[in-house]
Amino acid sequence: MQDRWPDLGAAAEAQLPHGLVLDGELLVWDAGEGRLSFEALQRRAAARGRSAPALAAKWPAYFAAFDVLQQSGQGDGLTGTAGLNWRSCSPTAP
């Protein structure tokens, strides 16, 4: 993941607790168009190496979580937001 999504990897390491496994979707926002961009998502997914950070700066990625699959190493089928302090997992989140 780090080679294609360095911004999300860094944001997840900084903002999410160890052992948390989430189910969700990656989204890429195109500020120039003012909308989500599937084309930019595909280009970011195909990028590796030196091009990935440049594309991350151009098209920031975000993660929208739907379910908690595992928390603190316990895979007990948790769903929803019970016990978690939710916030955006993005490069720009406070």
N, C-alpha and C. Protein backbone atom coordinates (compact mmCIF):
# COMPACT_ATOMS: atom_id res chain seq x y z
N MET A 1 0.81 -1.18 0.00
CA MET A 1 0.00 0.00 0.00
C MET A 1 0.87 1.26 0.00
N GLN A 2 1.98 1.24 0.72
CA GLN A 2 2.82 2.42 0.84
C GLN A 2 3.36 2.89 -0.51
N ASP A 3 3.60 1.96 -1.44
CA ASP A 3 4.18 2.37 -2.71
C ASP A 3 3.18 3.11 -3.60
N ARG A 4 1.88 2.84 -3.44
CA ARG A 4 0.86 3.50 -4.27
C ARG A 4 0.10 4.59 -3.53
N TRP A 5 -0.03 4.45 -2.22
CA TRP A 5 -0.84 5.36 -1.41
C TRP A 5 -0.03 5.87 -0.20
N PRO A 6 1.10 6.55 -0.45
CA PRO A 6 1.94 6.97 0.68
C PRO A 6 1.23 7.94 1.62
N ASP A 7 0.34 8.76 1.10
CA ASP A 7 -0.39 9.71 1.94
C ASP A 7 -1.35 8.99 2.88
N LEU A 8 -2.05 7.98 2.40
CA LEU A 8 -2.98 7.23 3.25
C LEU A 8 -2.25 6.36 4.26
N GLY A 9 -1.15 5.76 3.83
CA GLY A 9 -0.37 4.94 4.77
C GLY A 9 0.13 5.77 5.94
N ALA A 10 0.66 6.96 5.64
CA ALA A 10 1.16 7.83 6.71
C ALA A 10 0.02 8.31 7.61
N ALA A 11 -1.12 8.66 7.01
CA ALA A 11 -2.26 9.14 7.80
C ALA A 11 -2.81 8.03 8.69
N ALA A 12 -2.88 6.81 8.17
CA ALA A 12 -3.39 5.69 8.96
C ALA A 12 -2.46 5.39 10.14
N GLU A 13 -1.16 5.38 9.89
CA GLU A 13 -0.21 5.12 10.97
C GLU A 13 -0.29 6.18 12.05
N ALA A 14 -0.52 7.43 11.66
CA ALA A 14 -0.56 8.53 12.62
C ALA A 14 -1.89 8.63 13.37
N GLN A 15 -2.99 8.16 12.76
CA GLN A 15 -4.31 8.44 13.32
C GLN A 15 -5.09 7.23 13.83
N LEU A 16 -4.71 6.04 13.42
CA LEU A 16 -5.50 4.86 13.79
C LEU A 16 -4.73 3.97 14.76
N PRO A 17 -5.45 3.33 15.69
CA PRO A 17 -4.77 2.46 16.65
C PRO A 17 -4.26 1.17 15.99
N HIS A 18 -3.15 0.67 16.53
CA HIS A 18 -2.58 -0.59 16.05
C HIS A 18 -3.59 -1.72 16.25
N GLY A 19 -3.70 -2.61 15.30
CA GLY A 19 -4.59 -3.75 15.41
C GLY A 19 -5.99 -3.50 14.88
N LEU A 20 -6.27 -2.30 14.40
CA LEU A 20 -7.59 -1.97 13.87
C LEU A 20 -7.64 -2.36 12.39
N VAL A 21 -8.67 -3.11 12.02
CA VAL A 21 -8.88 -3.49 10.63
C VAL A 21 -10.24 -2.97 10.21
N LEU A 22 -10.25 -2.14 9.18
CA LEU A 22 -11.47 -1.52 8.70
C LEU A 22 -11.82 -2.00 7.31
N ASP A 23 -13.11 -2.00 7.01
CA ASP A 23 -13.60 -2.25 5.66
C ASP A 23 -14.10 -0.91 5.14
N GLY A 24 -13.72 -0.56 3.95
CA GLY A 24 -14.16 0.72 3.42
C GLY A 24 -13.76 0.89 1.98
N GLU A 25 -13.71 2.14 1.57
CA GLU A 25 -13.44 2.44 0.17
C GLU A 25 -12.47 3.60 0.07
N LEU A 26 -11.55 3.50 -0.89
CA LEU A 26 -10.64 4.60 -1.20
C LEU A 26 -11.35 5.56 -2.14
N LEU A 27 -11.18 6.85 -1.87
CA LEU A 27 -11.77 7.90 -2.70
C LEU A 27 -10.67 8.89 -3.07
N VAL A 28 -10.74 9.43 -4.28
CA VAL A 28 -9.79 10.45 -4.70
C VAL A 28 -10.58 11.67 -5.16
N TRP A 29 -10.21 12.81 -4.58
CA TRP A 29 -10.88 14.07 -4.88
C TRP A 29 -10.08 14.85 -5.91
N ASP A 30 -10.75 15.31 -6.94
CA ASP A 30 -10.13 16.16 -7.96
C ASP A 30 -10.60 17.58 -7.70
N ALA A 31 -9.74 18.39 -7.06
CA ALA A 31 -10.11 19.76 -6.69
C ALA A 31 -10.39 20.62 -7.92
N GLY A 32 -9.68 20.36 -8.99
CA GLY A 32 -9.89 21.12 -10.22
C GLY A 32 -11.28 20.93 -10.80
N GLU A 33 -11.79 19.72 -10.68
CA GLU A 33 -13.12 19.40 -11.18
C GLU A 33 -14.20 19.58 -10.10
N GLY A 34 -13.77 19.63 -8.83
CA GLY A 34 -14.72 19.79 -7.74
C GLY A 34 -15.58 18.56 -7.49
N ARG A 35 -14.97 17.37 -7.70
CA ARG A 35 -15.74 16.12 -7.53
C ARG A 35 -14.79 14.94 -7.30
N LEU A 36 -15.38 13.83 -6.90
CA LEU A 36 -14.62 12.59 -6.84
C LEU A 36 -14.25 12.17 -8.25
N SER A 37 -13.09 11.52 -8.38
CA SER A 37 -12.63 11.13 -9.70
C SER A 37 -12.20 9.67 -9.72
N PHE A 38 -12.95 8.85 -10.44
CA PHE A 38 -12.58 7.45 -10.59
C PHE A 38 -11.33 7.33 -11.47
N GLU A 39 -11.19 8.21 -12.46
CA GLU A 39 -10.00 8.19 -13.31
C GLU A 39 -8.74 8.47 -12.49
N ALA A 40 -8.80 9.46 -11.61
CA ALA A 40 -7.65 9.77 -10.76
C ALA A 40 -7.37 8.61 -9.81
N LEU A 41 -8.40 7.97 -9.31
CA LEU A 41 -8.23 6.79 -8.45
C LEU A 41 -7.48 5.69 -9.20
N GLN A 42 -7.87 5.44 -10.44
CA GLN A 42 -7.20 4.41 -11.24
C GLN A 42 -5.74 4.78 -11.52
N ARG A 43 -5.48 6.03 -11.81
CA ARG A 43 -4.11 6.46 -12.07
C ARG A 43 -3.25 6.33 -10.82
N ARG A 44 -3.83 6.67 -9.66
CA ARG A 44 -3.09 6.53 -8.41
C ARG A 44 -2.84 5.06 -8.10
N ALA A 45 -3.82 4.21 -8.36
CA ALA A 45 -3.67 2.78 -8.08
C ALA A 45 -2.58 2.15 -8.94
N ALA A 46 -2.36 2.69 -10.13
CA ALA A 46 -1.36 2.14 -11.04
C ALA A 46 0.03 2.72 -10.79
N ALA A 47 0.11 3.81 -10.04
CA ALA A 47 1.39 4.51 -9.83
C ALA A 47 2.26 3.76 -8.83
N ARG A 48 3.56 3.84 -9.05
CA ARG A 48 4.55 3.28 -8.13
C ARG A 48 5.79 4.15 -8.14
N GLY A 49 6.59 3.95 -7.13
CA GLY A 49 7.89 4.63 -7.10
C GLY A 49 7.78 6.12 -6.99
N ARG A 50 8.57 6.81 -7.81
CA ARG A 50 8.66 8.26 -7.71
C ARG A 50 7.40 9.00 -8.14
N SER A 51 6.56 8.38 -8.94
CA SER A 51 5.36 9.08 -9.40
C SER A 51 4.25 9.11 -8.34
N ALA A 52 4.27 8.19 -7.40
CA ALA A 52 3.20 8.11 -6.40
C ALA A 52 3.10 9.36 -5.53
N PRO A 53 4.20 9.90 -4.97
CA PRO A 53 4.07 11.12 -4.16
C PRO A 53 3.56 12.32 -4.96
N ALA A 54 3.97 12.44 -6.21
CA ALA A 54 3.50 13.55 -7.04
C ALA A 54 2.00 13.45 -7.30
N LEU A 55 1.54 12.24 -7.59
CA LEU A 55 0.10 12.06 -7.80
C LEU A 55 -0.68 12.24 -6.50
N ALA A 56 -0.09 11.87 -5.37
CA ALA A 56 -0.74 12.07 -4.08
C ALA A 56 -0.93 13.56 -3.80
N ALA A 57 0.05 14.37 -4.19
CA ALA A 57 -0.07 15.82 -4.00
C ALA A 57 -1.13 16.40 -4.93
N LYS A 58 -1.21 15.88 -6.13
CA LYS A 58 -2.18 16.38 -7.12
C LYS A 58 -3.60 15.93 -6.79
N TRP A 59 -3.74 14.65 -6.43
CA TRP A 59 -5.05 14.06 -6.15
C TRP A 59 -5.02 13.37 -4.79
N PRO A 60 -5.33 14.09 -3.72
CA PRO A 60 -5.33 13.48 -2.38
C PRO A 60 -6.33 12.33 -2.29
N ALA A 61 -5.95 11.31 -1.56
CA ALA A 61 -6.82 10.16 -1.36
C ALA A 61 -7.42 10.20 0.04
N TYR A 62 -8.59 9.63 0.17
CA TYR A 62 -9.30 9.55 1.44
C TYR A 62 -9.82 8.14 1.61
N PHE A 63 -10.06 7.74 2.84
CA PHE A 63 -10.60 6.43 3.13
C PHE A 63 -11.92 6.61 3.87
N ALA A 64 -12.99 6.06 3.32
CA ALA A 64 -14.30 6.08 3.96
C ALA A 64 -14.53 4.70 4.57
N ALA A 65 -14.56 4.62 5.90
CA ALA A 65 -14.73 3.34 6.59
C ALA A 65 -16.21 3.01 6.71
N PHE A 66 -16.54 1.74 6.46
CA PHE A 66 -17.91 1.26 6.57
C PHE A 66 -18.10 0.38 7.80
N ASP A 67 -17.13 -0.46 8.08
CA ASP A 67 -17.25 -1.42 9.18
C ASP A 67 -15.92 -1.62 9.88
N VAL A 68 -15.98 -1.95 11.16
CA VAL A 68 -14.81 -2.37 11.93
C VAL A 68 -14.78 -3.89 11.87
N LEU A 69 -13.74 -4.45 11.29
CA LEU A 69 -13.62 -5.90 11.17
C LEU A 69 -12.84 -6.50 12.34
N GLN A 70 -11.90 -5.73 12.88
CA GLN A 70 -11.08 -6.21 13.98
C GLN A 70 -10.56 -5.01 14.76
N GLN A 71 -10.58 -5.13 16.07
CA GLN A 71 -10.08 -4.05 16.92
C GLN A 71 -9.16 -4.64 17.98
N SER A 72 -7.99 -4.06 18.14
CA SER A 72 -7.00 -4.50 19.12
C SER A 72 -6.65 -5.97 18.97
N GLY A 73 -6.58 -6.43 17.72
CA GLY A 73 -6.20 -7.81 17.47
C GLY A 73 -7.31 -8.82 17.72
N GLN A 74 -8.51 -8.36 18.03
CA GLN A 74 -9.64 -9.27 18.30
C GLN A 74 -10.58 -9.27 17.11
N GLY A 75 -10.59 -10.35 16.36
CA GLY A 75 -11.48 -10.47 15.21
C GLY A 75 -12.82 -11.03 15.64
N ASP A 76 -13.62 -10.20 16.28
CA ASP A 76 -14.88 -10.71 16.84
C ASP A 76 -16.11 -10.21 16.10
N GLY A 77 -15.95 -9.82 14.85
CA GLY A 77 -17.10 -9.42 14.06
C GLY A 77 -17.71 -8.09 14.46
N LEU A 78 -16.91 -7.21 15.02
CA LEU A 78 -17.43 -5.90 15.38
C LEU A 78 -17.90 -5.16 14.14
N THR A 79 -19.01 -4.47 14.27
CA THR A 79 -19.47 -3.60 13.19
C THR A 79 -19.92 -2.29 13.79
N GLY A 80 -19.98 -1.28 12.98
CA GLY A 80 -20.41 0.01 13.46
C GLY A 80 -19.27 0.78 14.11
N THR A 81 -19.63 1.71 14.99
CA THR A 81 -18.63 2.60 15.56
C THR A 81 -18.45 2.42 17.05
N ALA A 82 -18.93 1.36 17.63
CA ALA A 82 -18.86 1.18 19.08
C ALA A 82 -17.43 1.27 19.60
N GLY A 83 -17.23 2.16 20.55
CA GLY A 83 -15.93 2.27 21.22
C GLY A 83 -14.85 2.99 20.46
N LEU A 84 -15.14 3.54 19.28
CA LEU A 84 -14.12 4.22 18.50
C LEU A 84 -14.42 5.70 18.41
N ASN A 85 -13.37 6.48 18.43
CA ASN A 85 -13.48 7.91 18.22
C ASN A 85 -13.22 8.16 16.74
N TRP A 86 -14.27 8.29 15.93
CA TRP A 86 -14.13 8.38 14.49
C TRP A 86 -13.69 9.76 14.05
N ARG A 87 -12.85 9.79 13.05
CA ARG A 87 -12.46 11.02 12.38
C ARG A 87 -11.98 10.63 10.99
N SER A 88 -11.82 11.60 10.17
CA SER A 88 -11.36 11.37 8.81
C SER A 88 -9.94 10.85 8.82
N CYS A 89 -9.67 9.81 8.05
CA CYS A 89 -8.31 9.31 7.89
C CYS A 89 -7.81 9.85 6.56
N SER A 90 -7.26 11.04 6.62
CA SER A 90 -6.78 11.68 5.40
C SER A 90 -5.52 12.46 5.72
N PRO A 91 -4.78 12.83 4.70
CA PRO A 91 -3.57 13.59 4.94
C PRO A 91 -3.83 14.95 5.59
N THR A 92 -5.05 15.46 5.48
CA THR A 92 -5.36 16.79 5.97
C THR A 92 -6.15 16.78 7.27
N ALA A 93 -6.43 15.61 7.83
CA ALA A 93 -7.21 15.53 9.06
C ALA A 93 -6.42 16.12 10.22
N PRO A 94 -7.11 16.81 11.15
CA PRO A 94 -6.40 17.39 12.30
C PRO A 94 -5.87 16.34 13.25
